[in-house]
Amino acid sequence: MIATEPIAPSEDYSAFIAAGIPSLYLSLGGADPQKYADAKDAGTLLPSNHSPFFTPDVEPALRTGIATEVAVLRNLLNSTAK
């Protein structure tokens, strides 16, 4: 796990929270470990998802994201089904 500084993901997301709507914002990294290490060593940042140069390591990122979402939804469904 890599801790990062807070970001402003969306202008409307905070409005939902302010209105009392329960929510979870999950940010999933998808960088190739070697590219990440190289950028870190060079003191640079990898392109973000809004960049035309964004090239995530799709297979593990997608697999991890799906597994995480399924686990969260199962937990939510199991806790509200009682």
C-alpha atoms as a PDB file:
ATOM      1  CA  MET A   1       0.000   0.000   0.000  1.00  0.00           C
ATOM      2  CA  ILE A   2       1.194   3.488  -0.841  1.00  0.00           C
ATOM      3  CA  ALA A   3      -0.269   6.434   1.071  1.00  0.00           C
ATOM      4  CA  THR A   4      -0.822   9.561  -0.985  1.00  0.00           C
ATOM      5  CA  GLU A   5      -1.872  13.130  -0.323  1.00  0.00           C
ATOM      6  CA  PRO A   6      -5.622  13.882  -0.438  1.00  0.00           C
ATOM      7  CA  ILE A   7      -7.025  14.762  -3.856  1.00  0.00           C
ATOM      8  CA  ALA A   8     -10.183  16.472  -5.088  1.00  0.00           C
ATOM      9  CA  PRO A   9     -11.675  13.636  -7.174  1.00  0.00           C
ATOM     10  CA  SER A  10     -14.836  15.379  -8.294  1.00  0.00           C
ATOM     11  CA  GLU A  11     -16.698  18.625  -7.697  1.00  0.00           C
ATOM     12  CA  ASP A  12     -20.041  16.896  -7.105  1.00  0.00           C
ATOM     13  CA  TYR A  13     -18.794  14.065  -4.897  1.00  0.00           C
ATOM     14  CA  SER A  14     -18.380  16.324  -1.861  1.00  0.00           C
ATOM     15  CA  ALA A  15     -21.934  17.625  -2.373  1.00  0.00           C
ATOM     16  CA  PHE A  16     -23.282  14.097  -1.943  1.00  0.00           C
ATOM     17  CA  ILE A  17     -21.333  13.673   1.282  1.00  0.00           C
ATOM     18  CA  ALA A  18     -22.483  17.089   2.549  1.00  0.00           C
ATOM     19  CA  ALA A  19     -26.071  15.992   1.868  1.00  0.00           C
ATOM     20  CA  GLY A  20     -25.534  13.006   4.168  1.00  0.00           C
ATOM     21  CA  ILE A  21     -25.402  10.338   1.469  1.00  0.00           C
ATOM     22  CA  PRO A  22     -23.196   7.452   2.678  1.00  0.00           C
ATOM     23  CA  SER A  23     -20.307   6.925   0.332  1.00  0.00           C
ATOM     24  CA  LEU A  24     -16.917   5.422  -0.281  1.00  0.00           C
ATOM     25  CA  TYR A  25     -14.314   6.735  -2.700  1.00  0.00           C
ATOM     26  CA  LEU A  26     -11.793   4.101  -3.627  1.00  0.00           C
ATOM     27  CA  SER A  27      -8.681   5.056  -5.538  1.00  0.00           C
ATOM     28  CA  LEU A  28      -6.938   2.127  -7.186  1.00  0.00           C
ATOM     29  CA  GLY A  29      -3.370   2.391  -8.395  1.00  0.00           C
ATOM     30  CA  GLY A  30      -2.447   0.663 -11.613  1.00  0.00           C
ATOM     31  CA  ALA A  31       1.197   1.471 -12.233  1.00  0.00           C
ATOM     32  CA  ASP A  32       3.686  -1.076 -13.438  1.00  0.00           C
ATOM     33  CA  PRO A  33       5.964  -1.595 -10.381  1.00  0.00           C
ATOM     34  CA  GLN A  34       9.159  -1.047 -12.382  1.00  0.00           C
ATOM     35  CA  LYS A  35       7.876   2.130 -14.031  1.00  0.00           C
ATOM     36  CA  TYR A  36       6.751   3.387 -10.619  1.00  0.00           C
ATOM     37  CA  ALA A  37      10.167   2.653  -9.079  1.00  0.00           C
ATOM     38  CA  ASP A  38      11.942   4.354 -11.998  1.00  0.00           C
ATOM     39  CA  ALA A  39       9.766   7.463 -11.691  1.00  0.00           C
ATOM     40  CA  LYS A  40      10.259   7.565  -7.935  1.00  0.00           C
ATOM     41  CA  ASP A  41      14.043   7.290  -8.342  1.00  0.00           C
ATOM     42  CA  ALA A  42      13.962  10.070 -10.931  1.00  0.00           C
ATOM     43  CA  GLY A  43      11.766  12.267  -8.719  1.00  0.00           C
ATOM     44  CA  THR A  44       9.020  12.384 -11.337  1.00  0.00           C
ATOM     45  CA  LEU A  45       5.360  11.431 -11.375  1.00  0.00           C
ATOM     46  CA  LEU A  46       3.735   8.904 -13.668  1.00  0.00           C
ATOM     47  CA  PRO A  47       0.983  10.241 -15.954  1.00  0.00           C
ATOM     48  CA  SER A  48      -2.438  10.298 -14.282  1.00  0.00           C
ATOM     49  CA  ASN A  49      -5.633   8.851 -15.715  1.00  0.00           C
ATOM     50  CA  HIS A  50      -6.499  12.163 -17.409  1.00  0.00           C
ATOM     51  CA  SER A  51      -3.252  12.173 -19.369  1.00  0.00           C
ATOM     52  CA  PRO A  52      -2.941  10.841 -22.926  1.00  0.00           C
ATOM     53  CA  PHE A  53       0.250   9.137 -21.675  1.00  0.00           C
ATOM     54  CA  PHE A  54      -1.561   7.156 -18.955  1.00  0.00           C
ATOM     55  CA  THR A  55      -0.603   3.481 -19.322  1.00  0.00           C
ATOM     56  CA  PRO A  56      -1.774   1.405 -16.359  1.00  0.00           C
ATOM     57  CA  ASP A  57      -0.772  -2.205 -15.874  1.00  0.00           C
ATOM     58  CA  VAL A  58      -4.320  -3.262 -16.772  1.00  0.00           C
ATOM     59  CA  GLU A  59      -4.458  -6.954 -15.814  1.00  0.00           C
ATOM     60  CA  PRO A  60      -3.531  -6.737 -12.120  1.00  0.00           C
ATOM     61  CA  ALA A  61      -5.273  -3.378 -11.652  1.00  0.00           C
ATOM     62  CA  LEU A  62      -8.549  -4.593 -13.150  1.00  0.00           C
ATOM     63  CA  ARG A  63      -8.421  -7.910 -11.284  1.00  0.00           C
ATOM     64  CA  THR A  64      -7.687  -6.149  -7.969  1.00  0.00           C
ATOM     65  CA  GLY A  65     -10.373  -3.517  -8.543  1.00  0.00           C
ATOM     66  CA  ILE A  66     -13.045  -6.100  -9.321  1.00  0.00           C
ATOM     67  CA  ALA A  67     -12.093  -8.290  -6.346  1.00  0.00           C
ATOM     68  CA  THR A  68     -12.154  -5.243  -4.046  1.00  0.00           C
ATOM     69  CA  GLU A  69     -15.525  -4.043  -5.285  1.00  0.00           C
ATOM     70  CA  VAL A  70     -17.051  -7.525  -4.940  1.00  0.00           C
ATOM     71  CA  ALA A  71     -15.705  -7.815  -1.363  1.00  0.00           C
ATOM     72  CA  VAL A  72     -17.124  -4.406  -0.412  1.00  0.00           C
ATOM     73  CA  LEU A  73     -20.511  -5.164  -1.984  1.00  0.00           C
ATOM     74  CA  ARG A  74     -20.717  -8.610  -0.348  1.00  0.00           C
ATOM     75  CA  ASN A  75     -19.974  -7.043   3.022  1.00  0.00           C
ATOM     76  CA  LEU A  76     -22.602  -4.354   2.446  1.00  0.00           C
ATOM     77  CA  LEU A  77     -25.237  -6.842   1.273  1.00  0.00           C
ATOM     78  CA  ASN A  78     -24.521  -9.236   4.151  1.00  0.00           C
ATOM     79  CA  SER A  79     -24.759  -6.451   6.746  1.00  0.00           C
ATOM     80  CA  THR A  80     -28.079  -5.089   5.406  1.00  0.00           C
ATOM     81  CA  ALA A  81     -29.757  -8.459   4.768  1.00  0.00           C
ATOM     82  CA  LYS A  82     -30.330  -9.141   8.483  1.00  0.00           C
END
